[in-house]
Every structure is written in C-alpha cells, then in structure tokens.
Amino acid sequence: MADPKRHLSLVKPQYTLCYGMRLDKGTAPEEAHPQVPVRLPDGSEGSLTLHVINGTPDEIKAQLLQSVDAFFEIYGKR
C-alpha cells in the first residue's frame, strides 16, 4: 500500500506586499514616520508607515535593500 504522506504537498500562504516609492530632491526629517491609510485586500482598513531615507541615490538604494532584507527576516517567517 502506498504511503499517503508521499502524495501530500505543502501549500505556502499567499500574501500581498503594499509598496510605494518616491524620490524627491532635498532632505526630509528621517525621524518622522507618518501613517497613511490603506484598504486591505479583504476590504478592511489598515495603515502603512512611511519611511524616509536621505542620501545619494546609491546610499538610499543600499539602505533600502538592507531594510527590505530586515523586513523579511522579521515578517517573512509568518
């Protein structure tokens, strides 16, 4: 008799990543983290924190990539 567990496959949960970027000239206060309202895929209301990074385009890109890595280290294990 075949092992029934061999026919089972793990289904990974699906998520939606809400994401936006804007590059402005000048600097903005990095300590300000305003919240913006969003409508979630299930129709409920939520909020997103806007993060500000100042620097040259290369510095901003490096910091953004570090932030994305940190985000998935924290939240990617759900």
N, C-alpha and C. Protein backbone atom coordinates (compact mmCIF):
# COMPACT_ATOMS: atom_id res chain seq x y z
N MET A 1 0.85 -1.18 0.00
CA MET A 1 0.00 0.00 0.00
C MET A 1 0.89 1.24 0.00
N ALA A 2 0.57 2.22 -0.83
CA ALA A 2 1.38 3.43 -0.96
C ALA A 2 1.24 4.29 0.29
N ASP A 3 2.30 4.97 0.62
CA ASP A 3 2.32 5.87 1.77
C ASP A 3 1.52 7.13 1.41
N PRO A 4 0.40 7.42 2.11
CA PRO A 4 -0.43 8.57 1.76
C PRO A 4 0.31 9.90 1.96
N LYS A 5 1.29 9.96 2.82
CA LYS A 5 2.03 11.21 3.05
C LYS A 5 2.86 11.61 1.83
N ARG A 6 3.22 10.66 1.00
CA ARG A 6 4.03 10.98 -0.18
C ARG A 6 3.24 11.79 -1.20
N HIS A 7 1.94 11.78 -1.11
CA HIS A 7 1.10 12.49 -2.07
C HIS A 7 0.65 13.86 -1.56
N LEU A 8 1.05 14.20 -0.35
CA LEU A 8 0.68 15.49 0.21
C LEU A 8 1.72 16.53 -0.20
N SER A 9 1.27 17.72 -0.51
CA SER A 9 2.20 18.80 -0.80
C SER A 9 1.88 19.96 0.13
N LEU A 10 2.90 20.66 0.54
CA LEU A 10 2.71 21.81 1.42
C LEU A 10 2.28 23.00 0.59
N VAL A 11 1.27 23.70 1.07
CA VAL A 11 0.80 24.89 0.39
C VAL A 11 1.29 26.09 1.19
N LYS A 12 2.05 26.95 0.54
CA LYS A 12 2.56 28.14 1.21
C LYS A 12 1.48 29.21 1.20
N PRO A 13 1.33 29.94 2.32
CA PRO A 13 0.33 31.01 2.35
C PRO A 13 0.69 32.11 1.35
N GLN A 14 -0.31 32.75 0.82
CA GLN A 14 -0.13 33.85 -0.12
C GLN A 14 -0.30 35.18 0.60
N TYR A 15 0.48 36.17 0.23
CA TYR A 15 0.44 37.49 0.84
C TYR A 15 0.38 38.56 -0.25
N THR A 16 0.07 39.77 0.17
CA THR A 16 0.13 40.94 -0.69
C THR A 16 1.11 41.91 -0.07
N LEU A 17 2.07 42.39 -0.85
CA LEU A 17 3.03 43.39 -0.38
C LEU A 17 2.57 44.75 -0.89
N CYS A 18 2.25 45.66 0.03
CA CYS A 18 1.89 47.03 -0.33
C CYS A 18 3.17 47.84 -0.35
N TYR A 19 3.44 48.52 -1.45
CA TYR A 19 4.74 49.13 -1.61
C TYR A 19 4.64 50.39 -2.44
N GLY A 20 5.41 51.40 -2.10
CA GLY A 20 5.46 52.61 -2.89
C GLY A 20 6.80 53.31 -2.68
N MET A 21 7.23 54.05 -3.68
CA MET A 21 8.48 54.80 -3.56
C MET A 21 8.33 56.14 -4.25
N ARG A 22 9.08 57.09 -3.74
CA ARG A 22 9.13 58.42 -4.33
C ARG A 22 10.48 59.00 -3.99
N LEU A 23 11.18 59.56 -4.97
CA LEU A 23 12.49 60.15 -4.76
C LEU A 23 12.38 61.64 -5.01
N ASP A 24 12.56 62.44 -3.94
CA ASP A 24 12.47 63.90 -4.02
C ASP A 24 13.85 64.52 -3.81
N LYS A 25 14.08 65.69 -4.42
CA LYS A 25 15.33 66.41 -4.17
C LYS A 25 15.24 67.05 -2.79
N GLY A 26 16.40 67.15 -2.13
CA GLY A 26 16.44 67.74 -0.80
C GLY A 26 16.42 66.67 0.27
N THR A 27 16.14 67.08 1.47
CA THR A 27 16.08 66.14 2.59
C THR A 27 14.77 66.32 3.34
N ALA A 28 14.39 65.30 4.03
CA ALA A 28 13.19 65.31 4.87
C ALA A 28 13.60 64.76 6.23
N PRO A 29 12.88 65.12 7.28
CA PRO A 29 13.23 64.59 8.60
C PRO A 29 13.07 63.07 8.65
N GLU A 30 14.16 62.36 8.90
CA GLU A 30 14.11 60.89 8.91
C GLU A 30 13.38 60.35 10.13
N GLU A 31 13.28 61.15 11.18
CA GLU A 31 12.61 60.63 12.38
C GLU A 31 11.09 60.67 12.25
N ALA A 32 10.58 61.34 11.22
CA ALA A 32 9.14 61.39 11.01
C ALA A 32 8.70 60.12 10.27
N HIS A 33 7.76 59.42 10.84
CA HIS A 33 7.23 58.20 10.23
C HIS A 33 5.70 58.29 10.18
N PRO A 34 5.19 59.08 9.23
CA PRO A 34 3.73 59.22 9.17
C PRO A 34 3.05 57.93 8.76
N GLN A 35 1.81 57.80 9.18
CA GLN A 35 0.98 56.66 8.83
C GLN A 35 0.02 57.09 7.73
N VAL A 36 -0.17 56.24 6.74
CA VAL A 36 -1.15 56.52 5.69
C VAL A 36 -2.18 55.39 5.69
N PRO A 37 -3.44 55.74 5.48
CA PRO A 37 -4.48 54.70 5.47
C PRO A 37 -4.45 53.90 4.17
N VAL A 38 -4.78 52.61 4.27
CA VAL A 38 -4.88 51.74 3.10
C VAL A 38 -6.08 50.83 3.27
N ARG A 39 -6.66 50.44 2.15
CA ARG A 39 -7.72 49.43 2.17
C ARG A 39 -7.05 48.10 1.85
N LEU A 40 -7.19 47.15 2.74
CA LEU A 40 -6.55 45.84 2.61
C LEU A 40 -7.33 44.94 1.65
N PRO A 41 -6.67 43.89 1.14
CA PRO A 41 -7.33 43.01 0.16
C PRO A 41 -8.67 42.44 0.64
N ASP A 42 -8.82 42.27 1.96
CA ASP A 42 -10.09 41.72 2.47
C ASP A 42 -11.16 42.80 2.65
N GLY A 43 -10.83 44.05 2.27
CA GLY A 43 -11.78 45.15 2.38
C GLY A 43 -11.68 45.95 3.67
N SER A 44 -10.91 45.46 4.63
CA SER A 44 -10.77 46.19 5.89
C SER A 44 -9.79 47.35 5.72
N GLU A 45 -9.77 48.23 6.71
CA GLU A 45 -8.86 49.38 6.69
C GLU A 45 -7.60 49.04 7.48
N GLY A 46 -6.48 49.54 7.02
CA GLY A 46 -5.21 49.37 7.73
C GLY A 46 -4.39 50.62 7.54
N SER A 47 -3.13 50.57 7.95
CA SER A 47 -2.26 51.71 7.76
C SER A 47 -0.86 51.22 7.42
N LEU A 48 -0.12 52.07 6.73
CA LEU A 48 1.27 51.81 6.39
C LEU A 48 2.11 52.93 6.98
N THR A 49 3.28 52.58 7.45
CA THR A 49 4.23 53.57 7.92
C THR A 49 5.12 53.99 6.77
N LEU A 50 5.24 55.29 6.55
CA LEU A 50 6.13 55.79 5.52
C LEU A 50 7.52 55.99 6.14
N HIS A 51 8.51 55.43 5.51
CA HIS A 51 9.88 55.56 5.99
C HIS A 51 10.63 56.52 5.09
N VAL A 52 11.53 57.31 5.68
CA VAL A 52 12.28 58.31 4.94
C VAL A 52 13.77 57.99 5.05
N ILE A 53 14.46 57.98 3.92
CA ILE A 53 15.91 57.75 3.87
C ILE A 53 16.52 58.91 3.08
N ASN A 54 17.51 59.58 3.64
CA ASN A 54 18.21 60.65 2.95
C ASN A 54 19.58 60.19 2.50
N GLY A 55 20.10 60.76 1.43
CA GLY A 55 21.44 60.44 0.95
C GLY A 55 21.52 60.52 -0.56
N THR A 56 22.62 60.06 -1.10
CA THR A 56 22.76 59.97 -2.55
C THR A 56 21.91 58.80 -3.03
N PRO A 57 21.61 58.75 -4.33
CA PRO A 57 20.84 57.59 -4.82
C PRO A 57 21.48 56.25 -4.45
N ASP A 58 22.80 56.13 -4.53
CA ASP A 58 23.46 54.88 -4.15
C ASP A 58 23.32 54.58 -2.67
N GLU A 59 23.45 55.60 -1.82
CA GLU A 59 23.28 55.40 -0.37
C GLU A 59 21.85 55.00 -0.04
N ILE A 60 20.89 55.66 -0.69
CA ILE A 60 19.48 55.34 -0.47
C ILE A 60 19.19 53.90 -0.90
N LYS A 61 19.71 53.51 -2.06
CA LYS A 61 19.49 52.15 -2.55
C LYS A 61 20.06 51.12 -1.59
N ALA A 62 21.28 51.35 -1.10
CA ALA A 62 21.90 50.41 -0.16
C ALA A 62 21.07 50.28 1.12
N GLN A 63 20.62 51.41 1.66
CA GLN A 63 19.82 51.38 2.88
C GLN A 63 18.47 50.71 2.63
N LEU A 64 17.87 50.98 1.48
CA LEU A 64 16.58 50.36 1.15
C LEU A 64 16.72 48.85 1.05
N LEU A 65 17.76 48.37 0.40
CA LEU A 65 17.97 46.92 0.29
C LEU A 65 18.18 46.29 1.66
N GLN A 66 18.90 46.97 2.55
CA GLN A 66 19.08 46.46 3.92
C GLN A 66 17.73 46.42 4.64
N SER A 67 16.92 47.45 4.43
CA SER A 67 15.61 47.50 5.08
C SER A 67 14.69 46.38 4.58
N VAL A 68 14.73 46.11 3.27
CA VAL A 68 13.90 45.03 2.72
C VAL A 68 14.35 43.69 3.30
N ASP A 69 15.66 43.47 3.37
CA ASP A 69 16.17 42.22 3.96
C ASP A 69 15.71 42.09 5.41
N ALA A 70 15.81 43.18 6.18
CA ALA A 70 15.39 43.15 7.58
C ALA A 70 13.89 42.88 7.70
N PHE A 71 13.11 43.49 6.81
CA PHE A 71 11.66 43.28 6.83
C PHE A 71 11.33 41.79 6.69
N PHE A 72 11.96 41.14 5.72
CA PHE A 72 11.65 39.71 5.50
C PHE A 72 12.24 38.83 6.58
N GLU A 73 13.30 39.26 7.24
CA GLU A 73 13.81 38.49 8.38
C GLU A 73 12.81 38.52 9.52
N ILE A 74 12.17 39.67 9.71
CA ILE A 74 11.21 39.84 10.80
C ILE A 74 9.86 39.21 10.45
N TYR A 75 9.31 39.58 9.29
CA TYR A 75 7.95 39.20 8.94
C TYR A 75 7.84 38.01 8.00
N GLY A 76 8.93 37.63 7.37
CA GLY A 76 8.89 36.55 6.40
C GLY A 76 8.70 35.17 6.99
N LYS A 77 8.76 35.06 8.30
CA LYS A 77 8.65 33.75 8.95
C LYS A 77 7.22 33.44 9.37
N ARG A 78 6.28 34.23 8.90
CA ARG A 78 4.87 34.00 9.27
C ARG A 78 4.32 32.81 8.58
